Amino acid sequence: MKVALLLLSWAIAIPASAAETNGVAHHSYLREVVVLLEQQWPSNRTVNIVCHGHSVPSGYFKTPVVDTFGAYPDRLHHVLKERFPYAVINVIVTAIGGEDSVQGEARFARDVLTHQPDVILIDYGLNDRRVGLTKARAAWVSMIQQAQAAEVKVILLTPTADARAKLEDPNDPLNQHAGQIRQLAAEYHVALVDSLARFKAEIANGVPLDDLLSQSNHPNARGHGLVVDELQGWFPSTR
């Protein structure tokens, strides 16, 4: 009953025009998850957040070094625990370095849905350049649809920056895949974390790209921090 009342009060506070309509989900998209995170014992339960993707969510910095605690999944966990002190949260990383979305989709049911997640993050944009837009789209659509069929919330992430990409060229494959991910978020009304746009904004503000990367295609701690900044906005407290 308490959960239902909280959800109702939050829904009333959000104008109808701000709800999910014909685009990317509104930032209230995870309100049911946030309500769960705010519950105290004995009304609470474990909330599972699965991070699925390639080397970036895996924690690879300068290969072969893996900085698990500096990567965005673990840092998001810390942010959420500070914001929701009564919550029991599992942040589960199912990412594999070097993998693309076609490979990730093949093991999605077995390795991701088996954890009974409340939220799934999908981050394959960097490596999807090698499989192309058509195959990548099919894999992302399959994962989104499987998650939605299981009534799981989804956050899509555009790729972090790559020093080898032409970031200002709309025809560069990195920008093309980022654009496709944005389109999928709008088409399926799920959450979007636009990592690439955030990196570009930092560069426009005078931050050298090298200051955000540990190697050409992996962010450093500062770069991962930009992703966390964007992710945490999807978990606004109701209080």
C-alpha atoms as a PDB file:
ATOM      1  CA  MET A   1       0.000   0.000   0.000  1.00  0.00           C
ATOM      2  CA  LYS A   2       2.839   2.416   0.865  1.00  0.00           C
ATOM      3  CA  VAL A   3       4.541   1.709  -2.447  1.00  0.00           C
ATOM      4  CA  ALA A   4       1.299   2.247  -4.349  1.00  0.00           C
ATOM      5  CA  LEU A   5       0.672   5.574  -2.622  1.00  0.00           C
ATOM      6  CA  LEU A   6       4.189   6.774  -3.353  1.00  0.00           C
ATOM      7  CA  LEU A   7       3.844   5.848  -7.009  1.00  0.00           C
ATOM      8  CA  LEU A   8       0.474   7.609  -7.217  1.00  0.00           C
ATOM      9  CA  SER A   9       1.814  10.781  -5.612  1.00  0.00           C
ATOM     10  CA  TRP A  10       4.781  10.860  -7.970  1.00  0.00           C
ATOM     11  CA  ALA A  11       2.589  10.259 -11.009  1.00  0.00           C
ATOM     12  CA  ILE A  12       0.296  13.129  -9.992  1.00  0.00           C
ATOM     13  CA  ALA A  13       3.293  15.426  -9.650  1.00  0.00           C
ATOM     14  CA  ILE A  14       4.415  14.778 -13.238  1.00  0.00           C
ATOM     15  CA  PRO A  15       2.495  16.544 -16.026  1.00  0.00           C
ATOM     16  CA  ALA A  16       1.007  14.251 -18.648  1.00  0.00           C
ATOM     17  CA  SER A  17       3.087  16.004 -21.281  1.00  0.00           C
ATOM     18  CA  ALA A  18       6.254  14.902 -19.475  1.00  0.00           C
ATOM     19  CA  ALA A  19       5.399  11.219 -19.483  1.00  0.00           C
ATOM     20  CA  GLU A  20       6.713   8.691 -22.013  1.00  0.00           C
ATOM     21  CA  THR A  21       5.070   9.574 -25.318  1.00  0.00           C
ATOM     22  CA  ASN A  22       6.777   9.514 -28.691  1.00  0.00           C
ATOM     23  CA  GLY A  23      10.402   9.614 -27.628  1.00  0.00           C
ATOM     24  CA  VAL A  24      13.029   8.771 -25.065  1.00  0.00           C
ATOM     25  CA  ALA A  25      11.562   8.021 -21.660  1.00  0.00           C
ATOM     26  CA  HIS A  26      11.079  10.880 -19.221  1.00  0.00           C
ATOM     27  CA  HIS A  27      13.374  10.924 -16.196  1.00  0.00           C
ATOM     28  CA  SER A  28      10.529   9.486 -14.150  1.00  0.00           C
ATOM     29  CA  TYR A  29      10.973   6.266 -16.134  1.00  0.00           C
ATOM     30  CA  LEU A  30      12.594   4.474 -13.178  1.00  0.00           C
ATOM     31  CA  ARG A  31      10.234   5.800 -10.520  1.00  0.00           C
ATOM     32  CA  GLU A  32       9.046   2.304  -9.572  1.00  0.00           C
ATOM     33  CA  VAL A  33      12.647   1.225  -9.086  1.00  0.00           C
ATOM     34  CA  VAL A  34      13.421   4.354  -7.075  1.00  0.00           C
ATOM     35  CA  VAL A  35      10.443   3.694  -4.811  1.00  0.00           C
ATOM     36  CA  LEU A  36      11.858   0.228  -4.179  1.00  0.00           C
ATOM     37  CA  LEU A  37      15.249   1.750  -3.390  1.00  0.00           C
ATOM     38  CA  GLU A  38      13.654   4.049  -0.839  1.00  0.00           C
ATOM     39  CA  GLN A  39      11.874   1.321   1.095  1.00  0.00           C
ATOM     40  CA  GLN A  40      13.146   0.369   4.550  1.00  0.00           C
ATOM     41  CA  TRP A  41      13.324  -3.045   6.112  1.00  0.00           C
ATOM     42  CA  PRO A  42      11.131  -5.077   6.313  1.00  0.00           C
ATOM     43  CA  SER A  43       9.356  -3.598   3.272  1.00  0.00           C
ATOM     44  CA  ASN A  44      12.424  -3.504   1.042  1.00  0.00           C
ATOM     45  CA  ARG A  45      13.929  -6.102  -1.245  1.00  0.00           C
ATOM     46  CA  THR A  46      17.112  -6.505  -3.265  1.00  0.00           C
ATOM     47  CA  VAL A  47      17.270  -4.375  -6.423  1.00  0.00           C
ATOM     48  CA  ASN A  48      19.373  -5.820  -9.253  1.00  0.00           C
ATOM     49  CA  ILE A  49      21.025  -3.575 -11.853  1.00  0.00           C
ATOM     50  CA  VAL A  50      22.831  -5.409 -14.669  1.00  0.00           C
ATOM     51  CA  CYS A  51      25.495  -3.696 -16.788  1.00  0.00           C
ATOM     52  CA  HIS A  52      25.803  -5.493 -20.129  1.00  0.00           C
ATOM     53  CA  GLY A  53      28.326  -4.587 -22.783  1.00  0.00           C
ATOM     54  CA  HIS A  54      31.971  -4.579 -23.753  1.00  0.00           C
ATOM     55  CA  SER A  55      35.311  -3.530 -22.246  1.00  0.00           C
ATOM     56  CA  VAL A  56      34.190  -0.145 -20.900  1.00  0.00           C
ATOM     57  CA  PRO A  57      31.601  -1.452 -18.389  1.00  0.00           C
ATOM     58  CA  SER A  58      33.955  -4.408 -17.819  1.00  0.00           C
ATOM     59  CA  GLY A  59      36.389  -1.903 -16.320  1.00  0.00           C
ATOM     60  CA  TYR A  60      39.254  -2.041 -18.809  1.00  0.00           C
ATOM     61  CA  PHE A  61      41.348   1.102 -18.613  1.00  0.00           C
ATOM     62  CA  LYS A  62      44.764   0.786 -20.307  1.00  0.00           C
ATOM     63  CA  THR A  63      44.615  -2.815 -21.486  1.00  0.00           C
ATOM     64  CA  PRO A  64      45.260  -5.248 -19.857  1.00  0.00           C
ATOM     65  CA  VAL A  65      44.611  -3.301 -16.618  1.00  0.00           C
ATOM     66  CA  VAL A  66      41.056  -3.704 -15.276  1.00  0.00           C
ATOM     67  CA  ASP A  67      40.058  -0.994 -12.789  1.00  0.00           C
ATOM     68  CA  THR A  68      36.770  -2.391 -11.547  1.00  0.00           C
ATOM     69  CA  PHE A  69      36.325   0.204  -8.823  1.00  0.00           C
ATOM     70  CA  GLY A  70      37.094   3.097 -11.163  1.00  0.00           C
ATOM     71  CA  ALA A  71      34.602   2.051 -13.828  1.00  0.00           C
ATOM     72  CA  TYR A  72      31.072   3.400 -14.042  1.00  0.00           C
ATOM     73  CA  PRO A  73      29.170   0.301 -12.793  1.00  0.00           C
ATOM     74  CA  ASP A  74      30.922   0.258  -9.418  1.00  0.00           C
ATOM     75  CA  ARG A  75      30.889   4.035  -9.138  1.00  0.00           C
ATOM     76  CA  LEU A  76      27.163   4.101  -9.880  1.00  0.00           C
ATOM     77  CA  HIS A  77      26.718   1.549  -7.087  1.00  0.00           C
ATOM     78  CA  HIS A  78      28.458   3.897  -4.654  1.00  0.00           C
ATOM     79  CA  VAL A  79      26.375   6.880  -5.754  1.00  0.00           C
ATOM     80  CA  LEU A  80      23.122   4.959  -5.358  1.00  0.00           C
ATOM     81  CA  LYS A  81      24.081   3.657  -1.924  1.00  0.00           C
ATOM     82  CA  GLU A  82      24.778   7.203  -0.741  1.00  0.00           C
ATOM     83  CA  ARG A  83      21.434   8.348  -2.117  1.00  0.00           C
ATOM     84  CA  PHE A  84      19.450   5.341  -0.877  1.00  0.00           C
ATOM     85  CA  PRO A  85      20.971   4.239   2.451  1.00  0.00           C
ATOM     86  CA  TYR A  86      18.223   1.688   3.205  1.00  0.00           C
ATOM     87  CA  ALA A  87      18.513  -0.112  -0.129  1.00  0.00           C
ATOM     88  CA  VAL A  88      20.002  -3.505  -0.850  1.00  0.00           C
ATOM     89  CA  ILE A  89      21.517  -3.083  -4.316  1.00  0.00           C
ATOM     90  CA  ASN A  90      23.329  -5.544  -6.542  1.00  0.00           C
ATOM     91  CA  VAL A  91      25.173  -4.029  -9.501  1.00  0.00           C
ATOM     92  CA  ILE A  92      26.015  -7.011 -11.664  1.00  0.00           C
ATOM     93  CA  VAL A  93      28.470  -6.714 -14.555  1.00  0.00           C
ATOM     94  CA  THR A  94      27.855  -9.177 -17.387  1.00  0.00           C
ATOM     95  CA  ALA A  95      30.078  -7.271 -19.819  1.00  0.00           C
ATOM     96  CA  ILE A  96      32.923  -8.962 -21.702  1.00  0.00           C
ATOM     97  CA  GLY A  97      35.913  -7.081 -23.102  1.00  0.00           C
ATOM     98  CA  GLY A  98      36.079  -7.166 -26.888  1.00  0.00           C
ATOM     99  CA  GLU A  99      32.452  -8.199 -27.350  1.00  0.00           C
ATOM    100  CA  ASP A 100      29.929  -6.612 -29.709  1.00  0.00           C
ATOM    101  CA  SER A 101      26.137  -6.513 -29.441  1.00  0.00           C
ATOM    102  CA  VAL A 102      25.631  -9.529 -31.710  1.00  0.00           C
ATOM    103  CA  GLN A 103      27.650 -11.623 -29.281  1.00  0.00           C
ATOM    104  CA  GLY A 104      25.981  -9.961 -26.306  1.00  0.00           C
ATOM    105  CA  GLU A 105      22.506 -10.669 -27.647  1.00  0.00           C
ATOM    106  CA  ALA A 106      23.340 -14.361 -28.074  1.00  0.00           C
ATOM    107  CA  ARG A 107      23.859 -14.748 -24.330  1.00  0.00           C
ATOM    108  CA  PHE A 108      21.335 -12.140 -23.140  1.00  0.00           C
ATOM    109  CA  ALA A 109      18.729 -14.542 -21.775  1.00  0.00           C
ATOM    110  CA  ARG A 110      21.296 -16.819 -20.175  1.00  0.00           C
ATOM    111  CA  ASP A 111      23.639 -14.245 -18.665  1.00  0.00           C
ATOM    112  CA  VAL A 112      21.448 -11.155 -18.092  1.00  0.00           C
ATOM    113  CA  LEU A 113      17.792 -12.059 -17.606  1.00  0.00           C
ATOM    114  CA  THR A 114      18.759 -14.952 -15.353  1.00  0.00           C
ATOM    115  CA  HIS A 115      19.692 -12.372 -12.686  1.00  0.00           C
ATOM    116  CA  GLN A 116      16.069 -11.160 -12.552  1.00  0.00           C
ATOM    117  CA  PRO A 117      17.177  -7.564 -13.069  1.00  0.00           C
ATOM    118  CA  ASP A 118      15.143  -4.491 -12.268  1.00  0.00           C
ATOM    119  CA  VAL A 119      17.256  -2.367 -14.633  1.00  0.00           C
ATOM    120  CA  ILE A 120      19.530  -3.329 -17.529  1.00  0.00           C
ATOM    121  CA  LEU A 121      22.208  -1.044 -18.972  1.00  0.00           C
ATOM    122  CA  ILE A 122      23.329  -1.818 -22.542  1.00  0.00           C
ATOM    123  CA  ASP A 123      26.652  -0.417 -23.781  1.00  0.00           C
ATOM    124  CA  TYR A 124      28.064  -1.836 -27.038  1.00  0.00           C
ATOM    125  CA  GLY A 125      28.468   1.187 -29.304  1.00  0.00           C
ATOM    126  CA  LEU A 126      32.273   1.235 -29.482  1.00  0.00           C
ATOM    127  CA  ASN A 127      32.634  -2.343 -30.689  1.00  0.00           C
ATOM    128  CA  ASP A 128      29.529  -2.384 -32.875  1.00  0.00           C
ATOM    129  CA  ARG A 129      31.415  -0.449 -35.525  1.00  0.00           C
ATOM    130  CA  ARG A 130      32.876  -3.747 -36.684  1.00  0.00           C
ATOM    131  CA  VAL A 131      29.482  -5.433 -37.212  1.00  0.00           C
ATOM    132  CA  GLY A 132      27.774  -2.471 -38.875  1.00  0.00           C
ATOM    133  CA  LEU A 133      24.538  -0.632 -38.247  1.00  0.00           C
ATOM    134  CA  THR A 134      22.111  -3.280 -39.544  1.00  0.00           C
ATOM    135  CA  LYS A 135      23.405  -6.182 -37.466  1.00  0.00           C
ATOM    136  CA  ALA A 136      23.857  -3.965 -34.435  1.00  0.00           C
ATOM    137  CA  ARG A 137      20.306  -2.653 -34.667  1.00  0.00           C
ATOM    138  CA  ALA A 138      18.882  -6.173 -34.843  1.00  0.00           C
ATOM    139  CA  ALA A 139      20.855  -7.217 -31.768  1.00  0.00           C
ATOM    140  CA  TRP A 140      19.888  -4.143 -29.747  1.00  0.00           C
ATOM    141  CA  VAL A 141      16.223  -4.508 -30.716  1.00  0.00           C
ATOM    142  CA  SER A 142      16.257  -8.145 -29.625  1.00  0.00           C
ATOM    143  CA  MET A 143      17.762  -7.280 -26.234  1.00  0.00           C
ATOM    144  CA  ILE A 144      15.356  -4.390 -25.676  1.00  0.00           C
ATOM    145  CA  GLN A 145      12.349  -6.504 -26.607  1.00  0.00           C
ATOM    146  CA  GLN A 146      13.461  -9.388 -24.393  1.00  0.00           C
ATOM    147  CA  ALA A 147      13.877  -7.000 -21.476  1.00  0.00           C
ATOM    148  CA  GLN A 148      10.511  -5.348 -22.049  1.00  0.00           C
ATOM    149  CA  ALA A 149       8.791  -8.731 -22.343  1.00  0.00           C
ATOM    150  CA  ALA A 150      10.238  -9.526 -18.910  1.00  0.00           C
ATOM    151  CA  GLU A 151       9.019  -6.112 -17.635  1.00  0.00           C
ATOM    152  CA  VAL A 152      12.558  -4.894 -17.001  1.00  0.00           C
ATOM    153  CA  LYS A 153      13.570  -1.250 -17.366  1.00  0.00           C
ATOM    154  CA  VAL A 154      16.307  -0.494 -19.897  1.00  0.00           C
ATOM    155  CA  ILE A 155      18.967   2.213 -20.155  1.00  0.00           C
ATOM    156  CA  LEU A 156      20.771   2.493 -23.494  1.00  0.00           C
ATOM    157  CA  LEU A 157      24.215   4.103 -23.551  1.00  0.00           C
ATOM    158  CA  THR A 158      25.800   5.745 -26.556  1.00  0.00           C
ATOM    159  CA  PRO A 159      29.535   5.037 -26.836  1.00  0.00           C
ATOM    160  CA  THR A 160      32.192   6.922 -24.961  1.00  0.00           C
ATOM    161  CA  ALA A 161      34.669   8.767 -27.157  1.00  0.00           C
ATOM    162  CA  ASP A 162      37.426   7.169 -29.188  1.00  0.00           C
ATOM    163  CA  ALA A 163      40.548   9.140 -30.086  1.00  0.00           C
ATOM    164  CA  ARG A 164      40.655   7.437 -33.479  1.00  0.00           C
ATOM    165  CA  ALA A 165      37.170   8.619 -34.466  1.00  0.00           C
ATOM    166  CA  LYS A 166      36.367  11.852 -36.290  1.00  0.00           C
ATOM    167  CA  LEU A 167      34.035  13.170 -33.625  1.00  0.00           C
ATOM    168  CA  GLU A 168      32.829  16.140 -35.682  1.00  0.00           C
ATOM    169  CA  ASP A 169      32.052  14.058 -38.768  1.00  0.00           C
ATOM    170  CA  PRO A 170      28.411  12.872 -38.742  1.00  0.00           C
ATOM    171  CA  ASN A 171      29.391  10.061 -41.110  1.00  0.00           C
ATOM    172  CA  ASP A 172      31.994   8.656 -38.755  1.00  0.00           C
ATOM    173  CA  PRO A 173      30.852   5.184 -37.639  1.00  0.00           C
ATOM    174  CA  LEU A 174      31.015   6.195 -33.959  1.00  0.00           C
ATOM    175  CA  ASN A 175      28.536   9.011 -34.569  1.00  0.00           C
ATOM    176  CA  GLN A 176      26.351   6.785 -36.742  1.00  0.00           C
ATOM    177  CA  HIS A 177      26.071   4.134 -34.030  1.00  0.00           C
ATOM    178  CA  ALA A 178      25.413   6.786 -31.402  1.00  0.00           C
ATOM    179  CA  GLY A 179      22.624   8.164 -33.569  1.00  0.00           C
ATOM    180  CA  GLN A 180      21.113   4.715 -33.992  1.00  0.00           C
ATOM    181  CA  ILE A 181      21.156   4.143 -30.234  1.00  0.00           C
ATOM    182  CA  ARG A 182      19.374   7.463 -29.704  1.00  0.00           C
ATOM    183  CA  GLN A 183      16.763   6.433 -32.282  1.00  0.00           C
ATOM    184  CA  LEU A 184      16.222   3.086 -30.532  1.00  0.00           C
ATOM    185  CA  ALA A 185      15.734   4.785 -27.168  1.00  0.00           C
ATOM    186  CA  ALA A 186      13.068   6.998 -28.719  1.00  0.00           C
ATOM    187  CA  GLU A 187      11.441   4.163 -30.652  1.00  0.00           C
ATOM    188  CA  TYR A 188      11.131   1.898 -27.614  1.00  0.00           C
ATOM    189  CA  HIS A 189      10.575   4.695 -25.056  1.00  0.00           C
ATOM    190  CA  VAL A 190      13.445   3.608 -22.827  1.00  0.00           C
ATOM    191  CA  ALA A 191      16.081   5.583 -20.966  1.00  0.00           C
ATOM    192  CA  LEU A 192      19.091   7.048 -22.746  1.00  0.00           C
ATOM    193  CA  VAL A 193      22.506   7.997 -21.401  1.00  0.00           C
ATOM    194  CA  ASP A 194      24.215   9.950 -24.155  1.00  0.00           C
ATOM    195  CA  SER A 195      27.827   9.362 -23.171  1.00  0.00           C
ATOM    196  CA  LEU A 196      29.197  10.553 -26.513  1.00  0.00           C
ATOM    197  CA  ALA A 197      27.311  13.838 -26.308  1.00  0.00           C
ATOM    198  CA  ARG A 198      28.644  14.379 -22.779  1.00  0.00           C
ATOM    199  CA  PHE A 199      32.231  13.743 -23.933  1.00  0.00           C
ATOM    200  CA  LYS A 200      31.746  16.179 -26.808  1.00  0.00           C
ATOM    201  CA  ALA A 201      30.375  18.794 -24.418  1.00  0.00           C
ATOM    202  CA  GLU A 202      33.473  18.466 -22.240  1.00  0.00           C
ATOM    203  CA  ILE A 203      35.712  18.856 -25.280  1.00  0.00           C
ATOM    204  CA  ALA A 204      33.736  21.929 -26.370  1.00  0.00           C
ATOM    205  CA  ASN A 205      34.363  23.373 -22.906  1.00  0.00           C
ATOM    206  CA  GLY A 206      38.088  23.078 -23.434  1.00  0.00           C
ATOM    207  CA  VAL A 207      38.878  19.694 -21.900  1.00  0.00           C
ATOM    208  CA  PRO A 208      41.394  17.801 -24.071  1.00  0.00           C
ATOM    209  CA  LEU A 209      40.116  14.388 -25.110  1.00  0.00           C
ATOM    210  CA  ASP A 210      43.313  12.803 -23.792  1.00  0.00           C
ATOM    211  CA  ASP A 211      42.311  13.990 -20.306  1.00  0.00           C
ATOM    212  CA  LEU A 212      39.225  11.746 -20.524  1.00  0.00           C
ATOM    213  CA  LEU A 213      40.870   8.598 -21.880  1.00  0.00           C
ATOM    214  CA  SER A 214      43.206   5.970 -20.478  1.00  0.00           C
ATOM    215  CA  GLN A 215      43.949   4.740 -24.006  1.00  0.00           C
ATOM    216  CA  SER A 216      42.504   5.548 -27.403  1.00  0.00           C
ATOM    217  CA  ASN A 217      39.224   3.655 -26.918  1.00  0.00           C
ATOM    218  CA  HIS A 218      38.844   3.410 -23.116  1.00  0.00           C
ATOM    219  CA  PRO A 219      37.860   6.214 -20.765  1.00  0.00           C
ATOM    220  CA  ASN A 220      39.885   6.946 -17.661  1.00  0.00           C
ATOM    221  CA  ALA A 221      38.414   7.638 -14.233  1.00  0.00           C
ATOM    222  CA  ARG A 222      37.393  11.143 -15.275  1.00  0.00           C
ATOM    223  CA  GLY A 223      35.701   9.797 -18.392  1.00  0.00           C
ATOM    224  CA  HIS A 224      33.837   7.137 -16.417  1.00  0.00           C
ATOM    225  CA  GLY A 225      32.763   9.898 -14.051  1.00  0.00           C
ATOM    226  CA  LEU A 226      30.978  11.646 -16.918  1.00  0.00           C
ATOM    227  CA  VAL A 227      28.970   8.490 -17.578  1.00  0.00           C
ATOM    228  CA  VAL A 228      28.079   8.197 -13.890  1.00  0.00           C
ATOM    229  CA  ASP A 229      26.934  11.820 -13.864  1.00  0.00           C
ATOM    230  CA  GLU A 230      24.493  11.021 -16.657  1.00  0.00           C
ATOM    231  CA  LEU A 231      23.362   7.706 -15.177  1.00  0.00           C
ATOM    232  CA  GLN A 232      22.541   9.013 -11.743  1.00  0.00           C
ATOM    233  CA  GLY A 233      20.039  11.448 -13.197  1.00  0.00           C
ATOM    234  CA  TRP A 234      17.777   8.483 -13.948  1.00  0.00           C
ATOM    235  CA  PHE A 235      17.494   7.708 -10.215  1.00  0.00           C
ATOM    236  CA  PRO A 236      15.991  10.887  -8.717  1.00  0.00           C
ATOM    237  CA  SER A 237      14.878  10.611  -5.116  1.00  0.00           C
ATOM    238  CA  THR A 238      11.153  11.035  -4.512  1.00  0.00           C
ATOM    239  CA  ARG A 239      11.810  12.721  -1.167  1.00  0.00           C
END
